[in-house]
């Protein structure tokens, strides 16, 4: 069993870290404080080909696997930008996957190439205020007309909606009560974000403020037939293709953030002198940080296992969910201990760990809660009866 990264994966890690090093703490502090999307960073990643790392070569991508994307996103969140650096480019890693698998050749060329080149930005309209994780209960509806569809509805937590010009929308095309199965009758669209028909309202939140999240209101949005992905009514199945990759990538991002926080804490513990000695000489400081390292390291190899299974075309649902759970817990633990190691200065913006701490809690909530993961493991691995 090979537990080492390949030369290509190591090169990805090194290159991403070199690019990210151009954007220091001050850059990310300003983006956070001013609610400003990190455009310069985004374009730097685009110019170096990283926005299309998992997309097909024929459309300008690199054609690599989820494992390589996980290495890349781990490096991005391990930079000064933390989770904001990862979130700014996150949707490119998994969002277009449904287009890659189910789109026509014309759609792939028209939709993917601008995303890969950084000329276009997309946001993801799936979650709704009254549905949450119960995706089959979404109410956004796409009504069939002669030349396409008219969509009305609401979406929540639409990240990058303030800067996007495209939106991937999941909507019902058949009412739930008229379907044989609740997963039927849902369709997927990738279309222009027409701001005359779509209101994108920023949600003010605890952290990750360099990347906006929004409540989205869609009113009489006309979507041409050519913007329907695949077959009408099959959209729920299409988004399932991207669920495990997204869990793997969020897990890798969480670990990068946790290691970022841990590195800052370890450095501070070496440098901070109290009572004539570095505080890092005290086991009360050493042991919590050592525990944080162990947790992050264990979670990282679960991420790599899940990613390798996915890239090999094997079942990885349990591993992807377990990786996301373990990574989020480990990142939150590391970020918490980083703040505590800094003492009072951990509460100050100067040392950045308070920003990483605020971002770390998000990894425990999104894109799937810990409770849903535990239920999945209990039912699919331990063969317990379904609880909901």
Protein backbone atom coordinates (compact mmCIF):
# COMPACT_ATOMS: atom_id res chain seq x y z
CA UNK A 1 0.00 0.00 0.00
CA UNK A 2 1.52 3.30 -1.15
CA UNK A 3 1.06 6.04 1.46
CA UNK A 4 3.12 8.67 -0.35
CA UNK A 5 2.02 11.42 -2.69
CA UNK A 6 3.18 11.02 -6.30
CA UNK A 7 5.67 13.40 -7.89
CA UNK A 8 2.80 15.04 -9.77
CA UNK A 9 0.78 15.52 -6.60
CA UNK A 10 3.80 16.96 -4.77
CA UNK A 11 4.35 19.36 -7.68
CA UNK A 12 0.70 20.49 -7.44
CA UNK A 13 1.11 21.10 -3.73
CA UNK A 14 4.33 23.07 -4.20
CA UNK A 15 2.97 25.20 -7.06
CA UNK A 16 -0.28 26.08 -5.31
CA UNK A 17 1.58 27.04 -2.14
CA UNK A 18 3.92 29.24 -4.17
CA UNK A 19 1.00 31.04 -5.83
CA UNK A 20 -0.82 31.47 -2.52
CA UNK A 21 2.29 32.86 -0.85
CA UNK A 22 1.88 35.98 -3.00
CA UNK A 23 -1.24 36.82 -1.00
CA UNK A 24 -0.35 37.58 2.58
CA UNK A 25 -2.35 37.99 5.77
CA UNK A 26 -3.02 41.66 5.01
CA UNK A 27 -4.61 40.79 1.67
CA UNK A 28 -7.03 38.35 3.27
CA UNK A 29 -7.72 40.61 6.24
CA UNK A 30 -8.75 43.36 3.82
CA UNK A 31 -10.97 41.02 1.79
CA UNK A 32 -12.63 39.82 4.99
CA UNK A 33 -13.13 43.31 6.42
CA UNK A 34 -14.35 44.86 3.17
CA UNK A 35 -16.55 41.89 2.14
CA UNK A 36 -14.50 41.81 -1.06
CA UNK A 37 -14.11 38.77 -3.33
CA UNK A 38 -10.38 37.87 -3.74
CA UNK A 39 -10.30 38.59 -7.47
CA UNK A 40 -6.51 38.83 -7.83
CA UNK A 41 -6.05 35.46 -6.13
CA UNK A 42 -8.83 33.94 -8.25
CA UNK A 43 -7.23 35.11 -11.48
CA UNK A 44 -3.79 33.87 -10.36
CA UNK A 45 -5.23 30.40 -9.88
CA UNK A 46 -6.94 30.62 -13.27
CA UNK A 47 -3.78 31.74 -15.05
CA UNK A 48 -1.92 28.73 -13.68
CA UNK A 49 -4.61 26.29 -14.83
CA UNK A 50 -5.96 25.28 -11.43
CA UNK A 51 -9.62 26.21 -11.99
CA UNK A 52 -9.95 23.27 -14.33
CA UNK A 53 -7.85 20.65 -12.56
CA UNK A 54 -10.61 18.00 -12.69
CA UNK A 55 -12.16 19.06 -16.01
CA UNK A 56 -11.54 17.41 -19.38
CA UNK A 57 -8.39 18.33 -21.28
CA UNK A 58 -10.30 19.01 -24.51
CA UNK A 59 -12.04 21.97 -22.88
CA UNK A 60 -8.90 23.43 -21.34
CA UNK A 61 -8.80 21.45 -18.10
CA UNK A 62 -6.12 19.17 -16.69
CA UNK A 63 -8.18 15.96 -16.63
CA UNK A 64 -6.89 14.95 -13.20
CA UNK A 65 -8.70 13.17 -10.39
CA UNK A 66 -10.32 14.08 -7.12
CA UNK A 67 -7.10 13.05 -5.35
CA UNK A 68 -5.15 15.77 -7.14
CA UNK A 69 -7.95 18.27 -6.51
CA UNK A 70 -7.86 17.37 -2.81
CA UNK A 71 -4.11 17.98 -2.70
CA UNK A 72 -4.63 21.32 -4.41
CA UNK A 73 -7.46 22.48 -2.11
CA UNK A 74 -5.53 21.34 0.97
CA UNK A 75 -2.66 23.56 -0.13
CA UNK A 76 -5.00 26.49 -0.83
CA UNK A 77 -6.71 26.39 2.57
CA UNK A 78 -3.34 25.82 4.23
CA UNK A 79 -2.25 29.21 2.90
CA UNK A 80 -2.81 32.62 4.46
CA UNK A 81 -6.30 32.64 2.96
CA UNK A 82 -7.61 29.70 4.96
CA UNK A 83 -11.09 28.52 4.07
CA UNK A 84 -11.79 31.70 2.09
CA UNK A 85 -9.00 30.80 -0.34
CA UNK A 86 -10.55 27.39 -0.86
CA UNK A 87 -14.15 28.64 -1.08
CA UNK A 88 -13.31 31.20 -3.77
CA UNK A 89 -12.53 28.39 -6.22
CA UNK A 90 -14.40 25.49 -4.61
CA UNK A 91 -17.38 25.31 -7.00
CA UNK A 92 -15.07 24.78 -9.98
CA UNK A 93 -13.85 21.54 -8.40
CA UNK A 94 -17.25 19.78 -8.18
CA UNK A 95 -20.08 22.02 -9.41
CA UNK A 96 -19.57 21.48 -13.17
CA UNK A 97 -19.24 17.71 -12.76
CA UNK A 98 -22.85 17.17 -13.82
CA UNK A 99 -22.13 19.08 -17.02
CA UNK A 100 -19.01 16.99 -17.67
CA UNK A 101 -20.94 13.71 -17.25
CA UNK A 102 -24.38 14.56 -18.61
CA UNK A 103 -23.96 17.65 -20.81
CA UNK A 104 -23.82 17.62 -24.60
CA UNK A 105 -20.60 18.36 -26.46
CA UNK A 106 -21.93 21.82 -27.31
CA UNK A 107 -22.77 22.49 -23.65
CA UNK A 108 -19.39 21.33 -22.39
CA UNK A 109 -17.51 23.62 -24.76
CA UNK A 110 -19.81 26.58 -24.14
CA UNK A 111 -20.12 26.19 -20.38
CA UNK A 112 -16.85 24.69 -19.14
CA UNK A 113 -14.17 26.57 -21.08
CA UNK A 114 -15.02 30.06 -19.69
CA UNK A 115 -15.06 28.65 -16.14
CA UNK A 116 -11.69 26.98 -16.60
CA UNK A 117 -10.14 30.14 -18.04
CA UNK A 118 -11.51 32.33 -15.25
CA UNK A 119 -13.58 34.44 -17.69
CA UNK A 120 -16.78 33.31 -16.02
CA UNK A 121 -17.86 32.58 -12.46
CA UNK A 122 -20.69 30.28 -11.40
CA UNK A 123 -22.77 29.89 -8.27
CA UNK A 124 -24.80 26.88 -7.13
CA UNK A 125 -28.56 27.19 -6.51
CA UNK A 126 -29.66 24.01 -4.75
CA UNK A 127 -30.45 24.60 -1.05
CA UNK A 128 -33.79 26.24 -0.20
CA UNK A 129 -35.06 27.91 2.99
CA UNK A 130 -37.90 25.43 3.51
CA UNK A 131 -36.10 22.28 2.34
CA UNK A 132 -32.57 22.35 3.77
CA UNK A 133 -30.96 18.96 3.25
CA UNK A 134 -34.30 17.48 2.10
CA UNK A 135 -33.56 18.23 -1.54
CA UNK A 136 -36.59 16.33 -2.86
CA UNK A 137 -38.80 18.93 -1.15
CA UNK A 138 -37.48 21.93 -3.09
CA UNK A 139 -40.20 24.25 -4.36
CA UNK A 140 -38.36 26.22 -7.04
CA UNK A 141 -40.27 25.35 -10.21
CA UNK A 142 -39.36 25.45 -13.88
CA UNK A 143 -42.47 25.74 -16.07
CA UNK A 144 -42.16 24.42 -19.60
CA UNK A 145 -42.77 26.90 -22.42
CA UNK A 146 -42.23 26.69 -26.18
CA UNK A 147 -38.58 27.73 -26.24
CA UNK A 148 -37.48 26.59 -22.79
CA UNK A 149 -38.56 27.21 -19.22
CA UNK A 150 -39.62 29.96 -16.83
CA UNK A 151 -38.22 29.49 -13.30
CA UNK A 152 -39.58 30.90 -10.05
CA UNK A 153 -38.37 30.17 -6.54
CA UNK A 154 -35.90 30.86 -3.74
CA UNK A 155 -32.46 29.52 -2.92
CA UNK A 156 -30.30 29.84 0.19
CA UNK A 157 -26.55 29.89 0.83
CA UNK A 158 -25.74 30.66 -2.78
CA UNK A 159 -22.00 31.25 -2.51
CA UNK A 160 -20.28 33.73 -4.89
CA UNK A 161 -23.68 34.96 -6.07
CA UNK A 162 -22.51 38.57 -5.77
CA UNK A 163 -19.79 38.07 -8.39
CA UNK A 164 -21.12 35.19 -10.52
CA UNK A 165 -22.48 35.58 -14.04
CA UNK A 166 -23.76 31.98 -14.27
CA UNK A 167 -25.94 29.90 -11.97
CA UNK A 168 -26.47 26.14 -11.70
CA UNK A 169 -30.12 25.75 -10.68
CA UNK A 170 -31.90 22.67 -9.40
CA UNK A 171 -35.65 23.01 -9.90
CA UNK A 172 -38.75 20.89 -10.07
CA UNK A 173 -40.27 20.38 -13.50
CA UNK A 174 -42.98 18.04 -12.17
CA UNK A 175 -44.72 18.56 -8.83
CA UNK A 176 -43.56 16.12 -6.17
CA UNK A 177 -47.07 14.77 -5.61
CA UNK A 178 -47.30 13.77 -9.29
CA UNK A 179 -44.06 11.73 -9.24
CA UNK A 180 -43.71 8.01 -8.56
CA UNK A 181 -40.62 8.71 -6.46
CA UNK A 182 -39.76 11.96 -4.64
CA UNK A 183 -36.43 12.07 -6.46
CA UNK A 184 -38.19 12.18 -9.85
CA UNK A 185 -39.29 15.35 -11.59
CA UNK A 186 -36.26 17.48 -10.66
CA UNK A 187 -34.18 19.06 -13.41
CA UNK A 188 -30.80 20.78 -13.61
CA UNK A 189 -30.06 24.00 -15.50
CA UNK A 190 -26.89 26.02 -16.10
CA UNK A 191 -27.80 29.48 -17.29
CA UNK A 192 -27.12 33.20 -17.15
CA UNK A 193 -27.54 34.90 -13.79
CA UNK A 194 -29.91 37.59 -15.04
CA UNK A 195 -29.94 40.18 -12.26
CA UNK A 196 -33.14 41.71 -13.61
CA UNK A 197 -34.87 38.42 -12.75
CA UNK A 198 -32.68 37.19 -9.91
CA UNK A 199 -32.14 39.14 -6.71
CA UNK A 200 -29.02 38.06 -4.83
CA UNK A 201 -29.13 39.29 -1.24
CA UNK A 202 -25.97 38.90 0.87
CA UNK A 203 -26.24 36.97 4.14
CA UNK A 204 -24.09 38.58 6.85
CA UNK A 205 -22.33 35.73 8.60
CA UNK A 206 -19.73 34.78 11.19
CA UNK A 207 -16.78 34.12 8.92
CA UNK A 208 -15.48 33.46 5.42
CA UNK A 209 -16.65 36.94 4.47
CA UNK A 210 -14.26 37.27 1.53
CA UNK A 211 -16.60 34.83 -0.22
CA UNK A 212 -20.22 35.91 -0.16
CA UNK A 213 -23.20 33.72 0.72
CA UNK A 214 -26.67 34.79 -0.32
CA UNK A 215 -30.41 34.39 -0.25
CA UNK A 216 -31.48 34.23 -3.90
CA UNK A 217 -34.90 35.16 -5.24
CA UNK A 218 -35.80 34.01 -8.76
CA UNK A 219 -38.79 35.63 -10.50
CA UNK A 220 -39.88 34.69 -14.03
CA UNK A 221 -36.36 33.77 -15.14
CA UNK A 222 -36.41 32.62 -18.76
CA UNK A 223 -34.06 29.70 -19.38
CA UNK A 224 -33.58 28.50 -22.97
CA UNK A 225 -33.94 24.82 -23.78
CA UNK A 226 -30.23 24.54 -24.52
CA UNK A 227 -29.43 25.33 -20.87
CA UNK A 228 -31.15 22.18 -19.57
CA UNK A 229 -28.47 19.66 -18.53
CA UNK A 230 -29.23 16.12 -19.67
CA UNK A 231 -32.82 14.90 -19.49
CA UNK A 232 -35.71 16.69 -17.89
CA UNK A 233 -36.61 15.16 -14.53
CA UNK A 234 -33.22 13.52 -13.92
CA UNK A 235 -31.48 16.39 -12.11
CA UNK A 236 -31.49 14.83 -8.65
CA UNK A 237 -29.55 11.84 -9.98
CA UNK A 238 -27.11 14.17 -11.70
CA UNK A 239 -26.17 16.10 -8.57
CA UNK A 240 -25.56 12.82 -6.72
CA UNK A 241 -22.50 12.38 -8.96
CA UNK A 242 -20.84 15.32 -7.23
CA UNK A 243 -21.74 14.61 -3.59
CA UNK A 244 -18.84 12.33 -2.69
CA UNK A 245 -16.22 14.49 -4.45
CA UNK A 246 -17.53 17.54 -2.61
CA UNK A 247 -17.28 15.79 0.76
CA UNK A 248 -13.71 14.76 -0.02
CA UNK A 249 -12.76 18.28 -1.08
CA UNK A 250 -14.37 19.99 1.91
CA UNK A 251 -12.52 17.53 4.13
CA UNK A 252 -9.19 18.33 2.49
CA UNK A 253 -9.90 22.06 2.84
CA UNK A 254 -10.76 21.62 6.52
CA UNK A 255 -7.47 19.84 7.16
CA UNK A 256 -5.54 22.55 5.35
CA UNK A 257 -7.21 25.17 7.53
CA UNK A 258 -6.51 23.14 10.67
CA UNK A 259 -2.84 22.73 9.79
CA UNK A 260 -2.65 26.45 9.03
CA UNK A 261 -3.97 27.25 12.52
CA UNK A 262 -1.74 24.63 14.14
CA UNK A 263 1.38 25.98 12.41
CA UNK A 264 0.62 29.47 13.66
CA UNK A 265 0.06 28.16 17.20
CA UNK A 266 3.28 26.12 17.21
CA UNK A 267 5.26 29.12 15.98
CA UNK A 268 3.75 31.38 18.63
CA UNK A 269 4.46 28.78 21.33
CA UNK A 270 8.14 28.72 20.34
CA UNK A 271 8.44 32.51 20.27
CA UNK A 272 6.30 33.61 23.20
CA UNK A 273 8.36 33.88 26.40
CA UNK A 274 6.61 34.01 29.79
CA UNK A 275 8.36 33.58 33.17
CA UNK A 276 11.69 33.39 31.39
CA UNK A 277 10.88 30.46 29.10
CA UNK A 278 9.00 29.80 25.83
CA UNK A 279 5.45 28.70 26.59
CA UNK A 280 6.06 25.76 24.24
CA UNK A 281 8.26 24.21 26.95
CA UNK A 282 5.14 23.62 29.02
CA UNK A 283 3.34 20.32 28.50
CA UNK A 284 0.06 22.16 29.04
CA UNK A 285 0.79 23.82 25.68
CA UNK A 286 2.65 20.94 24.00
CA UNK A 287 0.11 18.17 24.54
CA UNK A 288 -3.01 19.89 23.14
CA UNK A 289 -1.08 20.88 20.03
CA UNK A 290 0.31 17.37 19.64
CA UNK A 291 -3.22 15.95 19.91
CA UNK A 292 -4.39 18.38 17.24
CA UNK A 293 -1.59 17.19 14.90
CA UNK A 294 -2.61 13.55 15.43
CA UNK A 295 -6.25 14.30 14.66
CA UNK A 296 -5.42 16.18 11.48
CA UNK A 297 -2.99 13.53 10.29
CA UNK A 298 -5.49 10.69 10.80
CA UNK A 299 -8.22 12.61 8.99
CA UNK A 300 -5.89 13.42 6.08
CA UNK A 301 -5.29 9.79 5.26
CA UNK A 302 -9.02 9.06 5.36
CA UNK A 303 -9.39 11.85 2.79
CA UNK A 304 -6.73 10.26 0.61
CA UNK A 305 -8.37 6.86 0.90
CA UNK A 306 -11.79 8.22 -0.09
CA UNK A 307 -10.31 10.17 -3.00
CA UNK A 308 -8.35 7.19 -4.30
CA UNK A 309 -11.43 4.97 -4.14
CA UNK A 310 -13.46 7.54 -6.07
CA UNK A 311 -10.79 7.93 -8.74
CA UNK A 312 -10.61 4.14 -9.08
CA UNK A 313 -14.37 4.02 -9.73
CA UNK A 314 -15.08 2.20 -6.48
CA UNK A 315 -17.73 2.80 -3.84
CA UNK A 316 -16.59 5.50 -1.42
CA UNK A 317 -19.73 6.85 0.25
CA UNK A 318 -18.78 5.74 3.74
CA UNK A 319 -15.18 6.85 3.39
CA UNK A 320 -16.08 10.26 1.91
CA UNK A 321 -18.58 10.94 4.68
CA UNK A 322 -16.19 9.71 7.38
CA UNK A 323 -13.41 11.88 5.96
CA UNK A 324 -15.62 14.96 6.03
CA UNK A 325 -16.71 14.24 9.62
CA UNK A 326 -13.21 13.54 10.94
CA UNK A 327 -11.59 16.44 9.08
CA UNK A 328 -14.13 19.00 10.25
CA UNK A 329 -13.80 17.89 13.88
CA UNK A 330 -10.00 17.91 13.65
CA UNK A 331 -9.93 21.36 12.03
CA UNK A 332 -12.25 22.87 14.63
CA UNK A 333 -10.18 21.32 17.42
CA UNK A 334 -6.92 22.64 15.96
CA UNK A 335 -8.31 26.13 15.41
CA UNK A 336 -9.73 26.24 18.92
CA UNK A 337 -6.40 25.18 20.43
CA UNK A 338 -4.60 27.73 18.27
CA UNK A 339 -6.72 30.54 19.75
CA UNK A 340 -6.17 29.24 23.28
CA UNK A 341 -2.41 28.92 22.72
CA UNK A 342 -2.27 32.59 21.79
CA UNK A 343 -4.13 33.52 24.96
CA UNK A 344 -5.56 37.03 24.82
CA UNK A 345 -3.86 37.68 21.47
CA UNK A 346 -5.77 34.77 20.00
CA UNK A 347 -8.82 36.99 20.25
CA UNK A 348 -7.10 39.76 18.26
CA UNK A 349 -7.19 39.96 14.47
CA UNK A 350 -3.44 40.53 14.28
CA UNK A 351 -2.53 36.86 14.63
CA UNK A 352 -5.24 35.60 12.25
CA UNK A 353 -6.18 32.54 14.32
CA UNK A 354 -9.50 34.12 15.32
CA UNK A 355 -10.38 34.26 11.59
CA UNK A 356 -9.43 30.63 11.10
CA UNK A 357 -11.43 29.68 14.21
CA UNK A 358 -14.52 31.41 12.83
CA UNK A 359 -14.10 29.64 9.50
CA UNK A 360 -13.50 26.22 11.05
CA UNK A 361 -17.04 25.86 12.42
CA UNK A 362 -18.44 26.05 8.89
CA UNK A 363 -16.74 22.79 7.95
CA UNK A 364 -18.81 21.01 10.63
CA UNK A 365 -22.09 22.32 9.21
CA UNK A 366 -21.75 22.35 5.43
CA UNK A 367 -22.30 20.83 2.95
CA UNK A 368 -23.80 18.11 5.15
CA UNK A 369 -24.27 18.06 8.92
CA UNK A 370 -22.51 15.71 11.29
CA UNK A 371 -25.85 14.15 12.24
CA UNK A 372 -26.66 13.22 8.63
CA UNK A 373 -23.22 11.67 8.27
CA UNK A 374 -23.63 9.60 11.43
CA UNK A 375 -27.03 8.40 10.25
CA UNK A 376 -25.52 7.43 6.89
CA UNK A 377 -22.73 5.43 8.53
CA UNK A 378 -25.13 3.77 10.97
CA UNK A 379 -27.49 2.71 8.19
CA UNK A 380 -25.12 1.89 5.31
CA UNK A 381 -22.15 0.46 7.22
CA UNK A 382 -23.62 -0.82 10.49
CA UNK A 383 -26.92 -1.91 8.90
CA UNK A 384 -29.18 -0.11 11.35
CA UNK A 385 -32.79 0.75 10.42
CA UNK A 386 -33.36 4.10 8.72
CA UNK A 387 -34.03 6.78 11.34
CA UNK A 388 -35.68 9.46 9.22
